[in-house]
Amino acid sequence: MRLLSKTLFLCLALSLTKAAEHSGSLLDRCDGIEFDAIVPDENGVTYFFKDNHLWRGFTGSAHFFNHTFKELDDHHIGHIDAAFRMHNPDSEDHDHIYFFLDDKVFSYYNHTLEEGYPKEINKVFKEIPSHLDAAVECPKGECVTDSVLFFKGHVVYTYDISTKVVKEKTWDHLPVCTSAYRWLEHHYCFHGNSFTRFNPVTGVVEGTYPKDARNYFMMCPGFGHGGNYQPPKCSDVKLDAITTDDEGKPYAFIGSNYMHLNPKGPHRHPFPIIRKWKEVTEGVDAVFSYTDKLYMIKGEQVYIYKSGAGYTLIEGYPKTLKEELGIDGPITASFVCPSEHTVHIIQGSKMMDVDLTATPRAVTSEVPLSISDIDAVLCDADGVKVYKGSQYYEYASPMVLAVSRIAPVPQNVPREILGCQD
């Protein structure tokens, strides 16, 4: 009898789906929807799911999800319980999307169901229960290791992707999440048509929540947290600092805000610096990364943060520039190239080098530069980028920057980095 009832239910769900498709009846997320799942694909495009509907990105109308994930229709799925995108750069399933329904899991890549799926959840993710409410990825640096958070009621299962170890926690203070989403290094629990931001390690809610999702995660008439805000002109904006941490995450700093320049992100969005680095309350002059630590410099002060599951200010800091690097401030910019142990300090129109392995640290060389009024510098595998106003100059290496007497042809800083418009 139970099997017959389930069969009848599936047939009814499929019939209703086909009827809805034929009639062209689609949900409108601006009416206020409790999403079943929210997940980005391998290209960073975010999908919102409700019943058999799907929205692509933060704007636009719904369509039926079997138009994008066709095989779901073959299994008579009228909704999904949860979904997440795998973050595990060392494995073959990196960037794969996992959908969950009842006791089954479906694995997709490039919108195509992988061979052998669906499978039972506990055959793929041991100790993870069926009938989940939500799931979300948590990369190393935001969690202690590359992990996945699974939600069922107020219970959260933290699944270590490498060791397969599961740690179970109860977060009664957090609403029951019907979907969860990681956006620009922040984690959000969606419930009803609202959301709550939480710390993925402790579950702590910081700030005033819940908030209406229509004000932040979709374009709806009469909603929006920006009001009549218009981005500034690119010619009026300049970087204060730019760096890439040891996890490969690029950050840009402008005024009291920072942006995570995720190449697969939906778009850039400024956040207050004090949200991630609480002690840095007045912006930065320069920032650089070295051996799992982020050095943030403002005036004569150096703040050093240990990276891990978030950033933690090392005990005893801030210290003065003189104590830490053997120089007097203030400075203009700083940068460290990959796999090197020298920080290059820009002060006005000169560049000083400091050996970070030495004790005590002191300037080892000092050279004049042909370029002045530098705002920020970034060194990566492609060379050195010197930012000046809304333009930047490319040099092959710090040595080329030091000896060059003719500036390269300037290029315009991408407006995505500056958060501006032309």
Protein backbone atom coordinates (compact mmCIF):
# COMPACT_ATOMS: atom_id res chain seq x y z
CA MET A 1 0.00 0.00 0.00
CA ARG A 2 2.83 2.39 0.90
CA LEU A 3 4.63 1.57 -2.38
CA LEU A 4 1.41 2.12 -4.33
CA SER A 5 0.83 5.46 -2.63
CA LYS A 6 4.36 6.60 -3.47
CA THR A 7 3.89 5.51 -7.09
CA LEU A 8 0.62 7.42 -7.32
CA PHE A 9 2.29 10.48 -5.76
CA LEU A 10 5.13 10.40 -8.30
CA CYS A 11 2.69 10.04 -11.16
CA LEU A 12 0.60 12.93 -9.85
CA ALA A 13 3.70 15.12 -9.40
CA LEU A 14 4.84 14.35 -12.93
CA SER A 15 1.38 15.10 -14.32
CA LEU A 16 1.22 18.42 -12.49
CA THR A 17 4.70 19.30 -13.74
CA LYS A 18 3.74 18.60 -17.34
CA ALA A 19 0.49 20.51 -16.94
CA ALA A 20 2.30 23.51 -15.47
CA GLU A 21 4.84 23.47 -18.28
CA HIS A 22 2.08 23.31 -20.85
CA SER A 23 0.17 26.20 -19.29
CA GLY A 24 3.31 28.30 -18.98
CA SER A 25 2.58 28.94 -15.29
CA LEU A 26 5.81 30.00 -13.54
CA LEU A 27 6.59 31.15 -10.02
CA ASP A 28 7.81 34.68 -9.35
CA ARG A 29 10.56 34.82 -6.71
CA CYS A 30 9.74 38.46 -6.03
CA ASP A 31 6.49 37.27 -4.42
CA GLY A 32 8.60 35.99 -1.52
CA ILE A 33 9.72 32.38 -1.86
CA GLU A 34 11.25 29.83 0.51
CA PHE A 35 13.89 28.27 -1.73
CA ASP A 36 14.60 24.53 -1.69
CA ALA A 37 18.26 25.01 -2.66
CA ILE A 38 20.71 27.64 -3.89
CA VAL A 39 23.91 26.57 -5.61
CA PRO A 40 26.51 27.94 -8.07
CA ASP A 41 27.66 25.84 -11.02
CA GLU A 42 31.26 25.29 -12.16
CA ASN A 43 31.23 28.68 -13.92
CA GLY A 44 30.04 30.60 -10.86
CA VAL A 45 26.46 31.07 -12.10
CA THR A 46 24.07 30.79 -9.16
CA TYR A 47 20.87 28.76 -9.44
CA PHE A 48 17.86 29.15 -7.15
CA PHE A 49 15.45 26.19 -6.86
CA LYS A 50 11.84 25.99 -5.75
CA ASP A 51 9.75 22.90 -6.48
CA ASN A 52 10.37 22.20 -10.18
CA HIS A 53 11.36 25.81 -10.90
CA LEU A 54 14.83 27.26 -11.36
CA TRP A 55 16.16 30.82 -11.60
CA ARG A 56 19.52 31.46 -13.24
CA GLY A 57 21.46 34.26 -11.55
CA PHE A 58 20.20 37.22 -9.55
CA THR A 59 17.97 38.60 -12.30
CA GLY A 60 15.48 37.10 -14.70
CA SER A 61 12.39 34.91 -14.56
CA ALA A 62 11.99 31.24 -13.74
CA HIS A 63 12.03 28.21 -15.95
CA PHE A 64 11.54 24.51 -15.25
CA PHE A 65 14.71 22.89 -13.97
CA ASN A 66 14.49 19.93 -16.35
CA HIS A 67 15.38 22.38 -19.14
CA THR A 68 18.82 22.85 -17.54
CA PHE A 69 19.33 19.56 -15.68
CA LYS A 70 17.51 17.25 -18.06
CA GLU A 71 18.09 13.90 -16.36
CA LEU A 72 16.24 15.04 -13.25
CA ASP A 73 13.02 14.62 -15.22
CA ASP A 74 13.93 10.99 -15.99
CA HIS A 75 13.75 10.29 -12.26
CA HIS A 76 10.40 12.06 -11.82
CA ILE A 77 11.79 14.66 -9.44
CA GLY A 78 9.41 17.49 -8.63
CA HIS A 79 11.78 19.24 -6.23
CA ILE A 80 15.15 18.83 -4.52
CA ASP A 81 15.95 18.85 -0.80
CA ALA A 82 19.44 20.40 -0.92
CA ALA A 83 22.39 21.10 -3.20
CA PHE A 84 26.01 22.23 -3.02
CA ARG A 85 29.03 22.69 -5.28
CA MET A 86 32.02 20.57 -4.29
CA HIS A 87 35.19 22.49 -3.37
CA ASN A 88 38.06 20.03 -3.46
CA PRO A 89 40.77 21.22 -5.90
CA ASP A 90 42.81 18.02 -5.48
CA SER A 91 40.05 15.66 -6.61
CA GLU A 92 38.19 14.86 -9.80
CA ASP A 93 34.85 15.98 -8.39
CA HIS A 94 35.96 19.58 -7.80
CA ASP A 95 33.22 22.00 -8.91
CA HIS A 96 30.68 19.18 -9.35
CA ILE A 97 27.13 19.94 -8.20
CA TYR A 98 25.42 17.49 -5.86
CA PHE A 99 21.62 17.42 -5.62
CA PHE A 100 19.85 15.60 -2.77
CA LEU A 101 16.34 14.18 -2.66
CA ASP A 102 15.12 11.85 0.09
CA ASP A 103 17.87 9.20 0.41
CA LYS A 104 19.42 9.79 -3.04
CA VAL A 105 22.21 12.02 -4.32
CA PHE A 106 22.77 13.13 -7.93
CA SER A 107 26.17 14.36 -9.17
CA TYR A 108 26.32 16.80 -12.09
CA TYR A 109 29.14 18.39 -14.03
CA ASN A 110 28.61 20.74 -16.95
CA HIS A 111 24.87 20.22 -16.38
CA THR A 112 25.18 16.51 -17.18
CA LEU A 113 24.42 13.68 -14.74
CA GLU A 114 27.46 11.57 -13.99
CA GLU A 115 27.39 7.89 -14.85
CA GLY A 116 26.23 5.68 -12.00
CA TYR A 117 24.05 8.33 -10.36
CA PRO A 118 21.76 8.69 -8.52
CA LYS A 119 23.25 6.81 -5.56
CA GLU A 120 22.24 6.39 -1.96
CA ILE A 121 23.49 9.33 0.12
CA ASN A 122 25.31 7.17 2.66
CA LYS A 123 27.21 5.39 -0.12
CA VAL A 124 28.75 8.72 -1.18
CA PHE A 125 28.68 10.73 2.08
CA LYS A 126 28.91 8.30 4.97
CA GLU A 127 27.08 9.24 8.17
CA ILE A 128 25.07 11.94 6.41
CA PRO A 129 21.31 11.41 6.91
CA SER A 130 18.58 11.36 4.30
CA HIS A 131 15.85 13.97 3.85
CA LEU A 132 18.22 16.91 4.28
CA ASP A 133 17.10 20.52 4.60
CA ALA A 134 20.19 22.24 3.13
CA ALA A 135 23.87 21.87 2.26
CA VAL A 136 26.73 24.26 1.48
CA GLU A 137 30.46 24.02 0.75
CA CYS A 138 33.04 25.51 3.13
CA PRO A 139 36.59 25.80 1.71
CA LYS A 140 39.71 25.61 3.83
CA GLY A 141 40.38 29.03 5.31
CA GLU A 142 36.70 29.55 6.01
CA CYS A 143 36.43 26.16 7.69
CA VAL A 144 39.44 24.40 9.18
CA THR A 145 39.60 22.04 6.17
CA ASP A 146 37.75 21.75 2.86
CA SER A 147 34.34 20.73 4.16
CA VAL A 148 30.62 20.50 3.46
CA LEU A 149 27.94 21.57 5.94
CA PHE A 150 24.76 19.49 5.87
CA PHE A 151 21.66 20.76 7.68
CA LYS A 152 18.74 18.76 9.07
CA GLY A 153 16.58 20.69 11.48
CA HIS A 154 18.89 22.37 14.00
CA VAL A 155 21.55 19.69 13.57
CA VAL A 156 24.57 20.50 11.39
CA TYR A 157 26.90 17.80 10.05
CA THR A 158 30.36 19.07 9.12
CA TYR A 159 31.83 16.65 6.58
CA ASP A 160 35.62 16.74 6.08
CA ILE A 161 36.07 16.08 2.36
CA SER A 162 39.57 14.61 2.71
CA THR A 163 39.19 12.38 5.78
CA LYS A 164 35.43 11.69 5.42
CA VAL A 165 35.09 12.42 9.15
CA VAL A 166 31.75 13.89 10.22
CA LYS A 167 31.29 16.15 13.24
CA GLU A 168 27.75 16.71 14.47
CA LYS A 169 26.65 19.96 16.12
CA THR A 170 23.36 21.44 17.25
CA TRP A 171 22.78 25.11 16.42
CA ASP A 172 19.48 25.91 18.11
CA HIS A 173 20.11 29.65 17.79
CA LEU A 174 20.05 29.44 13.99
CA PRO A 175 16.73 29.20 12.11
CA VAL A 176 16.00 25.91 10.36
CA CYS A 177 17.62 26.43 6.96
CA THR A 178 15.63 25.35 3.91
CA SER A 179 18.65 26.25 1.77
CA ALA A 180 22.19 27.50 2.40
CA TYR A 181 24.51 29.51 0.20
CA ARG A 182 28.14 30.63 0.23
CA TRP A 183 28.58 34.02 -1.41
CA LEU A 184 31.80 36.03 -1.47
CA GLU A 185 33.30 34.05 1.44
CA HIS A 186 30.22 34.48 3.62
CA HIS A 187 27.73 31.77 4.56
CA TYR A 188 23.97 32.32 4.60
CA CYS A 189 21.05 30.31 5.96
CA PHE A 190 17.85 30.92 3.99
CA HIS A 191 14.51 30.44 5.74
CA GLY A 192 11.15 31.62 4.50
CA ASN A 193 11.89 34.56 2.21
CA SER A 194 14.65 35.74 4.57
CA PHE A 195 18.27 34.89 5.27
CA THR A 196 20.70 34.93 8.20
CA ARG A 197 24.50 35.16 7.88
CA PHE A 198 26.41 32.78 10.15
CA ASN A 199 29.95 31.70 10.97
CA PRO A 200 30.41 28.26 9.34
CA VAL A 201 32.66 27.00 12.16
CA THR A 202 30.78 28.22 15.24
CA GLY A 203 27.33 28.99 13.86
CA VAL A 204 27.48 32.41 15.50
CA VAL A 205 25.22 35.05 13.94
CA GLU A 206 26.85 38.45 13.71
CA GLY A 207 24.87 41.52 12.77
CA THR A 208 21.16 42.25 12.55
CA TYR A 209 19.25 39.33 11.05
CA PRO A 210 17.10 38.00 9.49
CA LYS A 211 16.93 40.11 6.34
CA ASP A 212 14.62 39.88 3.34
CA ALA A 213 16.38 38.02 0.51
CA ARG A 214 14.66 40.22 -2.07
CA ASN A 215 16.71 43.18 -0.89
CA TYR A 216 20.03 41.44 -1.55
CA PHE A 217 19.95 38.32 -3.73
CA MET A 218 17.58 39.23 -6.53
CA MET A 219 16.33 42.25 -8.43
CA CYS A 220 12.74 42.94 -7.40
CA PRO A 221 10.63 46.08 -7.89
CA GLY A 222 10.43 48.06 -4.65
CA PHE A 223 13.30 46.16 -3.03
CA GLY A 224 17.04 46.69 -2.76
CA HIS A 225 19.46 47.66 0.01
CA GLY A 226 21.32 50.15 -2.15
CA GLY A 227 18.52 52.69 -2.49
CA ASN A 228 19.49 55.25 -5.13
CA TYR A 229 23.20 54.45 -4.81
CA GLN A 230 25.19 54.92 -8.00
CA PRO A 231 28.71 53.50 -8.33
CA PRO A 232 31.36 56.24 -8.58
CA LYS A 233 33.11 57.00 -11.84
CA CYS A 234 36.25 54.91 -12.34
CA SER A 235 38.29 58.07 -12.83
CA ASP A 236 37.41 59.11 -9.25
CA VAL A 237 38.40 55.84 -7.54
CA LYS A 238 41.80 54.47 -6.53
CA LEU A 239 43.00 51.33 -4.79
CA ASP A 240 44.56 51.57 -1.34
CA ALA A 241 45.96 48.04 -1.49
CA ILE A 242 45.65 44.75 -3.35
CA THR A 243 47.01 41.31 -2.49
CA THR A 244 46.54 37.57 -2.85
CA ASP A 245 46.66 35.45 0.29
CA ASP A 246 48.31 32.03 0.59
CA GLU A 247 45.03 30.32 -0.27
CA GLY A 248 45.05 32.16 -3.60
CA LYS A 249 42.22 34.51 -2.66
CA PRO A 250 42.68 37.99 -4.17
CA TYR A 251 41.51 41.02 -2.19
CA ALA A 252 41.23 44.69 -3.13
CA PHE A 253 41.00 47.43 -0.48
CA ILE A 254 39.37 50.81 -1.10
CA GLY A 255 38.67 53.19 1.76
CA SER A 256 36.98 51.34 4.61
CA ASN A 257 35.89 48.46 2.37
CA TYR A 258 37.39 45.37 0.78
CA MET A 259 36.31 43.13 -2.09
CA HIS A 260 37.07 39.48 -2.71
CA LEU A 261 37.99 39.32 -6.40
CA ASN A 262 36.71 35.80 -7.02
CA PRO A 263 37.12 35.08 -10.76
CA LYS A 264 34.14 32.69 -10.61
CA GLY A 265 31.99 34.94 -8.46
CA PRO A 266 28.69 36.38 -9.73
CA HIS A 267 29.96 39.92 -9.24
CA ARG A 268 32.09 41.97 -6.87
CA HIS A 269 30.59 43.44 -3.75
CA PRO A 270 32.25 45.68 -1.13
CA PHE A 271 32.21 44.71 2.54
CA PRO A 272 33.51 46.68 5.54
CA ILE A 273 37.11 45.75 6.37
CA ILE A 274 36.16 45.43 10.04
CA ARG A 275 33.81 42.56 9.17
CA LYS A 276 36.78 40.27 8.46
CA TRP A 277 39.62 42.12 10.26
CA LYS A 278 37.91 43.65 13.28
CA GLU A 279 40.87 45.56 14.67
CA VAL A 280 41.56 47.47 11.43
CA THR A 281 39.07 50.28 11.83
CA GLU A 282 40.42 53.06 9.63
CA GLY A 283 41.28 51.43 6.31
CA VAL A 284 44.76 50.39 5.14
CA ASP A 285 47.79 51.91 3.45
CA ALA A 286 49.32 48.61 2.34
CA VAL A 287 48.74 44.86 2.62
CA PHE A 288 50.85 41.80 1.80
CA SER A 289 50.72 38.05 2.43
CA TYR A 290 53.56 35.84 3.68
CA THR A 291 53.64 32.28 5.12
CA ASP A 292 49.94 31.95 5.97
CA LYS A 293 49.86 35.43 7.46
CA LEU A 294 48.32 38.65 6.23
CA TYR A 295 50.18 41.88 7.05
CA MET A 296 47.92 44.95 7.13
CA ILE A 297 49.60 48.32 7.50
CA LYS A 298 48.03 51.62 8.47
CA GLY A 299 50.12 54.65 9.41
CA GLU A 300 52.89 53.46 11.72
CA GLN A 301 51.03 50.29 12.74
CA VAL A 302 51.35 46.71 11.46
CA TYR A 303 48.56 44.19 12.09
CA ILE A 304 49.44 40.55 11.40
CA TYR A 305 46.64 38.03 11.00
CA LYS A 306 46.98 34.27 10.97
CA SER A 307 44.88 32.70 8.23
CA GLY A 308 42.91 29.55 8.87
CA ALA A 309 39.22 29.25 9.58
CA GLY A 310 38.93 33.00 9.21
CA TYR A 311 41.60 35.51 10.26
CA THR A 312 42.92 35.86 13.82
CA LEU A 313 45.07 38.76 14.99
CA ILE A 314 48.35 37.40 16.35
CA GLU A 315 48.86 38.13 20.03
CA GLY A 316 50.95 41.24 20.69
CA TYR A 317 49.86 43.11 17.57
CA PRO A 318 49.63 45.73 16.27
CA LYS A 319 53.29 46.72 16.43
CA THR A 320 55.06 49.66 14.86
CA LEU A 321 56.60 49.45 11.39
CA LYS A 322 59.98 50.08 13.00
CA GLU A 323 59.61 47.10 15.32
CA GLU A 324 58.29 44.74 12.64
CA LEU A 325 60.08 45.73 9.41
CA GLY A 326 62.81 48.10 10.53
CA ILE A 327 61.46 51.14 8.69
CA ASP A 328 59.70 54.37 9.56
CA GLY A 329 56.21 54.95 8.19
CA PRO A 330 53.97 55.78 6.67
CA ILE A 331 54.36 53.78 3.45
CA THR A 332 52.56 53.83 0.13
CA ALA A 333 52.36 50.17 -0.88
CA SER A 334 53.91 46.74 -0.26
CA PHE A 335 54.09 43.43 -2.07
CA VAL A 336 55.65 39.97 -1.91
CA CYS A 337 56.07 37.83 -5.03
CA PRO A 338 55.10 34.13 -4.99
CA SER A 339 57.62 31.82 -3.28
CA GLU A 340 59.87 34.75 -2.33
CA HIS A 341 60.94 35.97 1.12
CA THR A 342 61.42 39.67 0.40
CA VAL A 343 58.78 42.31 0.95
CA HIS A 344 59.12 45.28 -1.37
CA ILE A 345 58.04 48.52 0.32
CA ILE A 346 57.03 51.55 -1.73
CA GLN A 347 57.48 54.86 0.05
CA GLY A 348 56.86 57.85 -2.18
CA SER A 349 59.09 57.41 -5.24
CA LYS A 350 61.50 54.86 -3.76
CA MET A 351 61.38 51.09 -3.22
CA MET A 352 62.97 49.39 -0.20
CA ASP A 353 63.52 45.65 0.22
CA VAL A 354 63.24 43.86 3.57
CA ASP A 355 64.32 40.24 4.09
CA LEU A 356 61.45 38.56 5.93
CA THR A 357 63.63 35.66 7.08
CA ALA A 358 66.09 37.94 8.93
CA THR A 359 66.00 38.73 12.64
CA PRO A 360 65.77 41.59 13.27
CA ARG A 361 64.32 42.72 9.98
CA ALA A 362 65.95 45.66 8.23
CA VAL A 363 66.18 47.30 4.81
CA THR A 364 68.65 45.43 2.57
CA SER A 365 68.41 47.70 -0.48
CA GLU A 366 66.85 50.96 -1.56
CA VAL A 367 66.33 52.26 -5.11
CA PRO A 368 64.61 55.29 -6.65
CA LEU A 369 61.68 54.64 -8.98
CA SER A 370 60.86 56.43 -12.20
CA ILE A 371 57.14 56.16 -11.46
CA SER A 372 55.57 58.17 -8.63
CA ASP A 373 52.16 58.54 -6.95
CA ILE A 374 51.76 54.76 -6.69
CA ASP A 375 48.58 53.56 -4.95
CA ALA A 376 49.04 49.79 -4.77
CA VAL A 377 51.15 46.96 -6.20
CA LEU A 378 50.40 43.28 -6.84
CA CYS A 379 52.95 40.60 -7.76
CA ASP A 380 51.78 37.26 -9.13
CA ALA A 381 52.88 34.62 -11.64
CA ASP A 382 52.34 37.10 -14.49
CA GLY A 383 54.66 39.75 -13.03
CA VAL A 384 54.18 43.05 -11.20
CA LYS A 385 51.17 45.32 -11.59
CA VAL A 386 51.59 48.90 -10.35
CA TYR A 387 48.26 50.66 -9.73
CA LYS A 388 48.01 54.41 -10.06
CA GLY A 389 44.58 55.99 -10.04
CA SER A 390 42.30 54.22 -12.51
CA GLN A 391 45.25 52.80 -14.49
CA TYR A 392 47.99 50.24 -13.93
CA TYR A 393 51.42 49.43 -15.38
CA GLU A 394 52.85 45.95 -15.93
CA TYR A 395 56.47 45.00 -15.22
CA ALA A 396 58.07 41.59 -15.66
CA SER A 397 59.58 41.55 -12.15
CA PRO A 398 60.52 43.76 -9.17
CA MET A 399 64.00 44.13 -10.69
CA VAL A 400 62.54 45.46 -13.95
CA LEU A 401 60.42 47.90 -11.91
CA ALA A 402 63.55 49.03 -10.05
CA VAL A 403 65.73 49.67 -13.13
CA SER A 404 63.10 50.88 -15.59
CA ARG A 405 63.32 54.54 -16.52
CA ILE A 406 60.44 54.58 -18.98
CA ALA A 407 56.96 53.62 -17.80
CA PRO A 408 55.10 50.93 -19.77
CA VAL A 409 51.92 51.81 -21.64
CA PRO A 410 49.21 52.23 -18.97
CA GLN A 411 46.11 50.06 -18.97
CA ASN A 412 42.74 50.76 -17.41
CA VAL A 413 42.02 49.00 -14.13
CA PRO A 414 39.00 46.68 -14.66
CA ARG A 415 35.95 48.37 -13.20
CA GLU A 416 35.10 45.12 -11.37
CA ILE A 417 38.16 45.68 -9.16
CA LEU A 418 37.32 49.30 -8.41
CA GLY A 419 33.58 48.77 -7.99
CA CYS A 420 32.96 51.69 -10.32
CA GLN A 421 31.31 52.55 -13.61
CA ASP A 422 32.70 54.26 -16.72
